[in-house]
Structure formats: structure tokens, C-alpha cells
Amino acid sequence: MLKEAKKALRITVDNFDSEIMDLMRAGAKDLEVAGVMLPGTIRYTVGTAGAVNDCSTLKDPLVMRAVITYAAMMFGNPPNYDRLRDSYDLQKVQLMHAGSYTDYGGDGR
């Protein structure tokens, strides 16, 4: 997923890989805190040996896009921050209200 994020950020060098991964983990955690289940991610508790949520297991395209949008919004000082924030917020709300992305039950209506 790092490759997709770097492409979205238009970055070709590897110097920022660690920062981008941190931002993607933060974006995934932000979605999780909002009640969005992350299909395909590793569920772990703090202190679990060997469990690292590196976002590499994310496969769902909507969740991946939200995480990448979050990273783009938080990386550096983007001139389109407000547009990215609005886009991320909308993506997060849509995921929060879709029954298949939460454990609230229902069909998202």
C-alpha cells in the first residue's frame, strides 16, 4: 500500500517512507476509532508479539482510498489541505454509515 500512497503523493524517493507509513497507520486508526472495521487488517492488542499494523494488509479499495487521503492531507503542508480534509471527512462518514464497514449491524440505510 505504500507504493499506492507514494503515487498519490507524487513521491518517488524513499526518504519519506517511514513518515508516510506512520501517517497511514494514523489514518487507519482514526477510521477504527470512528467505528469503521478495517477489512483485511491485522487485529492486535498492545503488546502482542510480532503484530504490526503496517497497513500492508488493507485490500478494500474504499478503506485504502480513505487512508491514502488521510496521509496526503497530513503529509507536509499541502496547498489543498482543506479540500483533502473535506474529502477524508466525507469518506470516513460514508464508511461509518455503511453497515458492511461497521459492527453496528444493519445494511447501512
N, C-alpha and C. Protein backbone atom coordinates (compact mmCIF):
# COMPACT_ATOMS: atom_id res chain seq x y z
N MET A 1 0.82 -1.20 0.00
CA MET A 1 0.00 0.00 0.00
C MET A 1 0.86 1.26 0.00
N LEU A 2 2.09 1.14 0.49
CA LEU A 2 3.00 2.28 0.48
C LEU A 2 3.21 2.79 -0.94
N LYS A 3 3.33 1.87 -1.87
CA LYS A 3 3.53 2.24 -3.27
C LYS A 3 2.36 3.11 -3.77
N GLU A 4 1.14 2.72 -3.45
CA GLU A 4 -0.04 3.48 -3.87
C GLU A 4 -0.07 4.86 -3.22
N ALA A 5 0.30 4.92 -1.94
CA ALA A 5 0.32 6.20 -1.24
C ALA A 5 1.37 7.13 -1.83
N LYS A 6 2.55 6.61 -2.12
CA LYS A 6 3.60 7.43 -2.71
C LYS A 6 3.18 7.94 -4.09
N LYS A 7 2.49 7.10 -4.84
CA LYS A 7 1.99 7.53 -6.15
C LYS A 7 1.00 8.67 -5.99
N ALA A 8 0.08 8.54 -5.01
CA ALA A 8 -0.91 9.60 -4.77
C ALA A 8 -0.24 10.90 -4.30
N LEU A 9 0.83 10.77 -3.55
CA LEU A 9 1.57 11.93 -3.05
C LEU A 9 2.57 12.46 -4.07
N ARG A 10 2.71 11.74 -5.18
CA ARG A 10 3.66 12.10 -6.24
C ARG A 10 5.10 12.15 -5.71
N ILE A 11 5.44 11.10 -4.95
CA ILE A 11 6.77 10.99 -4.36
C ILE A 11 7.44 9.75 -4.94
N THR A 12 8.66 9.90 -5.42
CA THR A 12 9.37 8.77 -5.99
C THR A 12 10.56 8.32 -5.14
N VAL A 13 11.01 9.17 -4.23
CA VAL A 13 12.16 8.82 -3.38
C VAL A 13 11.69 8.02 -2.18
N ASP A 14 12.61 7.33 -1.53
CA ASP A 14 12.28 6.50 -0.38
C ASP A 14 12.50 7.21 0.95
N ASN A 15 12.97 8.45 0.92
CA ASN A 15 13.33 9.18 2.14
C ASN A 15 12.15 9.36 3.10
N PHE A 16 10.94 9.38 2.58
CA PHE A 16 9.77 9.69 3.41
C PHE A 16 8.93 8.46 3.72
N ASP A 17 9.42 7.27 3.38
CA ASP A 17 8.62 6.05 3.56
C ASP A 17 8.14 5.87 4.99
N SER A 18 9.01 6.08 5.95
CA SER A 18 8.65 5.89 7.35
C SER A 18 7.55 6.87 7.77
N GLU A 19 7.69 8.12 7.37
CA GLU A 19 6.68 9.13 7.70
C GLU A 19 5.34 8.81 7.05
N ILE A 20 5.38 8.38 5.79
CA ILE A 20 4.14 8.05 5.09
C ILE A 20 3.46 6.85 5.75
N MET A 21 4.24 5.85 6.14
CA MET A 21 3.67 4.68 6.82
C MET A 21 3.05 5.09 8.15
N ASP A 22 3.71 5.98 8.89
CA ASP A 22 3.15 6.46 10.16
C ASP A 22 1.82 7.17 9.91
N LEU A 23 1.75 7.97 8.87
CA LEU A 23 0.51 8.68 8.55
C LEU A 23 -0.59 7.71 8.13
N MET A 24 -0.23 6.68 7.39
CA MET A 24 -1.24 5.69 7.00
C MET A 24 -1.74 4.93 8.22
N ARG A 25 -0.85 4.58 9.14
CA ARG A 25 -1.29 3.90 10.37
C ARG A 25 -2.21 4.81 11.17
N ALA A 26 -1.87 6.10 11.23
CA ALA A 26 -2.73 7.05 11.96
C ALA A 26 -4.09 7.17 11.28
N GLY A 27 -4.12 7.20 9.95
CA GLY A 27 -5.39 7.26 9.23
C GLY A 27 -6.24 6.03 9.48
N ALA A 28 -5.60 4.85 9.46
CA ALA A 28 -6.33 3.62 9.74
C ALA A 28 -6.87 3.63 11.17
N LYS A 29 -6.07 4.10 12.10
CA LYS A 29 -6.51 4.17 13.50
C LYS A 29 -7.66 5.17 13.66
N ASP A 30 -7.59 6.29 12.94
CA ASP A 30 -8.67 7.28 13.00
C ASP A 30 -9.98 6.66 12.53
N LEU A 31 -9.92 5.89 11.46
CA LEU A 31 -11.13 5.20 10.97
C LEU A 31 -11.63 4.20 12.00
N GLU A 32 -10.70 3.46 12.58
CA GLU A 32 -11.07 2.45 13.58
C GLU A 32 -11.73 3.09 14.80
N VAL A 33 -11.18 4.21 15.27
CA VAL A 33 -11.74 4.92 16.42
C VAL A 33 -13.16 5.41 16.10
N ALA A 34 -13.40 5.74 14.83
CA ALA A 34 -14.71 6.21 14.40
C ALA A 34 -15.71 5.06 14.23
N GLY A 35 -15.26 3.83 14.44
CA GLY A 35 -16.16 2.68 14.36
C GLY A 35 -16.11 1.92 13.05
N VAL A 36 -15.17 2.28 12.18
CA VAL A 36 -15.05 1.60 10.90
C VAL A 36 -14.19 0.36 11.08
N MET A 37 -14.73 -0.79 10.67
CA MET A 37 -13.93 -2.02 10.68
C MET A 37 -13.03 -1.98 9.46
N LEU A 38 -11.82 -2.42 9.62
CA LEU A 38 -10.86 -2.38 8.53
C LEU A 38 -10.69 -3.78 7.96
N PRO A 39 -11.46 -4.12 6.92
CA PRO A 39 -11.36 -5.46 6.34
C PRO A 39 -9.95 -5.77 5.88
N GLY A 40 -9.47 -6.94 6.28
CA GLY A 40 -8.16 -7.37 5.81
C GLY A 40 -7.00 -6.89 6.66
N THR A 41 -7.26 -6.16 7.75
CA THR A 41 -6.14 -5.71 8.57
C THR A 41 -5.90 -6.68 9.71
N ILE A 42 -4.73 -6.58 10.27
CA ILE A 42 -4.37 -7.41 11.41
C ILE A 42 -4.98 -6.79 12.66
N ARG A 43 -5.78 -7.57 13.37
CA ARG A 43 -6.31 -7.10 14.66
C ARG A 43 -5.29 -7.50 15.73
N TYR A 44 -4.94 -6.57 16.58
CA TYR A 44 -3.97 -6.89 17.61
C TYR A 44 -4.22 -6.02 18.83
N THR A 45 -3.72 -6.46 19.94
CA THR A 45 -3.77 -5.67 21.15
C THR A 45 -2.37 -5.19 21.46
N VAL A 46 -2.28 -4.11 22.18
CA VAL A 46 -0.97 -3.55 22.51
C VAL A 46 -0.15 -4.61 23.24
N GLY A 47 1.07 -4.79 22.80
CA GLY A 47 1.96 -5.74 23.44
C GLY A 47 1.95 -7.12 22.80
N THR A 48 1.13 -7.33 21.77
CA THR A 48 1.12 -8.63 21.10
C THR A 48 2.42 -8.79 20.32
N ALA A 49 3.15 -9.82 20.63
CA ALA A 49 4.45 -10.04 19.99
C ALA A 49 4.28 -10.26 18.49
N GLY A 50 5.05 -9.53 17.72
CA GLY A 50 5.09 -9.74 16.28
C GLY A 50 3.94 -9.13 15.50
N ALA A 51 2.95 -8.56 16.16
CA ALA A 51 1.81 -7.98 15.44
C ALA A 51 2.09 -6.52 15.14
N VAL A 52 2.15 -6.20 13.89
CA VAL A 52 2.40 -4.82 13.48
C VAL A 52 1.36 -4.44 12.45
N ASN A 53 0.61 -3.38 12.71
CA ASN A 53 -0.38 -2.91 11.75
C ASN A 53 0.33 -1.96 10.80
N ASP A 54 0.85 -2.51 9.70
CA ASP A 54 1.60 -1.68 8.75
C ASP A 54 0.75 -1.27 7.56
N CYS A 55 -0.53 -1.56 7.60
CA CYS A 55 -1.48 -1.21 6.55
C CYS A 55 -1.23 -1.99 5.27
N SER A 56 -0.23 -2.86 5.25
CA SER A 56 0.06 -3.59 4.01
C SER A 56 -1.00 -4.63 3.72
N THR A 57 -1.80 -4.98 4.72
CA THR A 57 -2.83 -6.00 4.50
C THR A 57 -4.17 -5.39 4.10
N LEU A 58 -4.26 -4.07 4.05
CA LEU A 58 -5.51 -3.44 3.62
C LEU A 58 -5.75 -3.79 2.16
N LYS A 59 -6.92 -4.29 1.86
CA LYS A 59 -7.24 -4.67 0.49
C LYS A 59 -8.49 -3.96 -0.02
N ASP A 60 -9.34 -3.50 0.89
CA ASP A 60 -10.59 -2.87 0.48
C ASP A 60 -10.30 -1.52 -0.17
N PRO A 61 -10.77 -1.30 -1.39
CA PRO A 61 -10.41 -0.06 -2.10
C PRO A 61 -10.95 1.20 -1.45
N LEU A 62 -12.11 1.14 -0.80
CA LEU A 62 -12.64 2.34 -0.16
C LEU A 62 -11.84 2.70 1.09
N VAL A 63 -11.47 1.71 1.87
CA VAL A 63 -10.67 1.95 3.06
C VAL A 63 -9.27 2.42 2.66
N MET A 64 -8.70 1.77 1.65
CA MET A 64 -7.38 2.19 1.17
C MET A 64 -7.40 3.65 0.71
N ARG A 65 -8.42 4.03 -0.03
CA ARG A 65 -8.51 5.41 -0.53
C ARG A 65 -8.62 6.39 0.64
N ALA A 66 -9.41 6.06 1.66
CA ALA A 66 -9.55 6.94 2.82
C ALA A 66 -8.21 7.09 3.55
N VAL A 67 -7.50 5.98 3.74
CA VAL A 67 -6.21 6.03 4.43
C VAL A 67 -5.20 6.84 3.63
N ILE A 68 -5.19 6.67 2.33
CA ILE A 68 -4.26 7.44 1.48
C ILE A 68 -4.64 8.91 1.48
N THR A 69 -5.93 9.22 1.46
CA THR A 69 -6.36 10.63 1.52
C THR A 69 -5.91 11.26 2.84
N TYR A 70 -6.04 10.51 3.94
CA TYR A 70 -5.59 11.00 5.25
C TYR A 70 -4.09 11.30 5.19
N ALA A 71 -3.31 10.38 4.64
CA ALA A 71 -1.86 10.59 4.55
C ALA A 71 -1.53 11.81 3.71
N ALA A 72 -2.24 11.98 2.59
CA ALA A 72 -2.00 13.14 1.73
C ALA A 72 -2.34 14.44 2.46
N MET A 73 -3.40 14.39 3.26
CA MET A 73 -3.84 15.57 4.00
C MET A 73 -2.81 15.97 5.06
N MET A 74 -2.18 14.98 5.68
CA MET A 74 -1.29 15.25 6.80
C MET A 74 0.19 15.34 6.42
N PHE A 75 0.52 15.00 5.17
CA PHE A 75 1.92 14.99 4.76
C PHE A 75 2.36 16.40 4.38
N GLY A 76 3.35 16.89 5.08
CA GLY A 76 3.88 18.23 4.77
C GLY A 76 2.84 19.30 5.03
N ASN A 77 2.79 20.26 4.15
CA ASN A 77 1.84 21.37 4.26
C ASN A 77 1.16 21.54 2.89
N PRO A 78 0.23 20.62 2.55
CA PRO A 78 -0.33 20.66 1.20
C PRO A 78 -1.17 21.92 0.96
N PRO A 79 -1.04 22.51 -0.21
CA PRO A 79 -1.80 23.72 -0.52
C PRO A 79 -3.30 23.45 -0.61
N ASN A 80 -3.68 22.18 -0.81
CA ASN A 80 -5.09 21.81 -0.93
C ASN A 80 -5.58 21.09 0.33
N TYR A 81 -5.03 21.47 1.49
CA TYR A 81 -5.37 20.81 2.75
C TYR A 81 -6.88 20.80 2.99
N ASP A 82 -7.55 21.93 2.81
CA ASP A 82 -8.98 22.00 3.09
C ASP A 82 -9.77 21.03 2.22
N ARG A 83 -9.41 20.94 0.96
CA ARG A 83 -10.10 20.01 0.04
C ARG A 83 -9.84 18.56 0.46
N LEU A 84 -8.60 18.25 0.84
CA LEU A 84 -8.27 16.91 1.29
C LEU A 84 -9.00 16.57 2.59
N ARG A 85 -9.05 17.52 3.52
CA ARG A 85 -9.76 17.29 4.78
C ARG A 85 -11.23 17.02 4.53
N ASP A 86 -11.86 17.83 3.68
CA ASP A 86 -13.27 17.62 3.36
C ASP A 86 -13.48 16.26 2.70
N SER A 87 -12.58 15.88 1.81
CA SER A 87 -12.68 14.60 1.13
C SER A 87 -12.54 13.45 2.13
N TYR A 88 -11.55 13.54 3.01
CA TYR A 88 -11.35 12.49 4.00
C TYR A 88 -12.56 12.39 4.94
N ASP A 89 -13.03 13.53 5.41
CA ASP A 89 -14.19 13.52 6.31
C ASP A 89 -15.40 12.87 5.65
N LEU A 90 -15.63 13.17 4.39
CA LEU A 90 -16.75 12.58 3.66
C LEU A 90 -16.56 11.07 3.52
N GLN A 91 -15.35 10.66 3.16
CA GLN A 91 -15.08 9.22 3.03
C GLN A 91 -15.30 8.51 4.37
N LYS A 92 -14.84 9.11 5.44
CA LYS A 92 -14.98 8.50 6.77
C LYS A 92 -16.45 8.38 7.15
N VAL A 93 -17.21 9.42 6.93
CA VAL A 93 -18.64 9.39 7.26
C VAL A 93 -19.36 8.33 6.44
N GLN A 94 -19.03 8.24 5.16
CA GLN A 94 -19.68 7.22 4.33
C GLN A 94 -19.35 5.81 4.83
N LEU A 95 -18.11 5.57 5.22
CA LEU A 95 -17.75 4.27 5.76
C LEU A 95 -18.44 4.01 7.10
N MET A 96 -18.54 5.05 7.93
CA MET A 96 -19.19 4.91 9.23
C MET A 96 -20.67 4.55 9.10
N HIS A 97 -21.30 4.97 8.02
CA HIS A 97 -22.73 4.73 7.84
C HIS A 97 -23.04 3.51 6.97
N ALA A 98 -22.03 2.87 6.46
CA ALA A 98 -22.23 1.66 5.66
C ALA A 98 -22.19 0.45 6.58
N GLY A 99 -23.28 -0.27 6.65
CA GLY A 99 -23.38 -1.41 7.56
C GLY A 99 -22.30 -2.44 7.39
N SER A 100 -21.80 -2.62 6.18
CA SER A 100 -20.77 -3.63 5.95
C SER A 100 -19.39 -3.20 6.45
N TYR A 101 -19.25 -1.94 6.85
CA TYR A 101 -17.96 -1.46 7.36
C TYR A 101 -17.99 -1.19 8.86
N THR A 102 -19.09 -1.53 9.50
CA THR A 102 -19.19 -1.34 10.95
C THR A 102 -19.71 -2.63 11.58
N ASP A 103 -19.62 -2.70 12.86
CA ASP A 103 -20.22 -3.86 13.55
C ASP A 103 -21.52 -3.45 14.23
N TYR A 104 -22.10 -2.34 13.77
CA TYR A 104 -23.37 -1.88 14.30
C TYR A 104 -24.53 -2.73 13.82
N GLY A 105 -24.32 -3.47 12.73
CA GLY A 105 -25.39 -4.26 12.13
C GLY A 105 -26.17 -3.42 11.16
N GLY A 106 -27.13 -4.02 10.52
CA GLY A 106 -27.94 -3.31 9.54
C GLY A 106 -27.29 -3.28 8.19
N ASP A 107 -27.93 -2.62 7.27
CA ASP A 107 -27.41 -2.58 5.89
C ASP A 107 -26.92 -1.21 5.49
N GLY A 108 -26.77 -0.32 6.47
CA GLY A 108 -26.22 1.00 6.17
C GLY A 108 -27.25 2.04 5.80
N ARG A 109 -28.52 1.65 5.83
CA ARG A 109 -29.56 2.65 5.50
C ARG A 109 -30.12 3.28 6.74
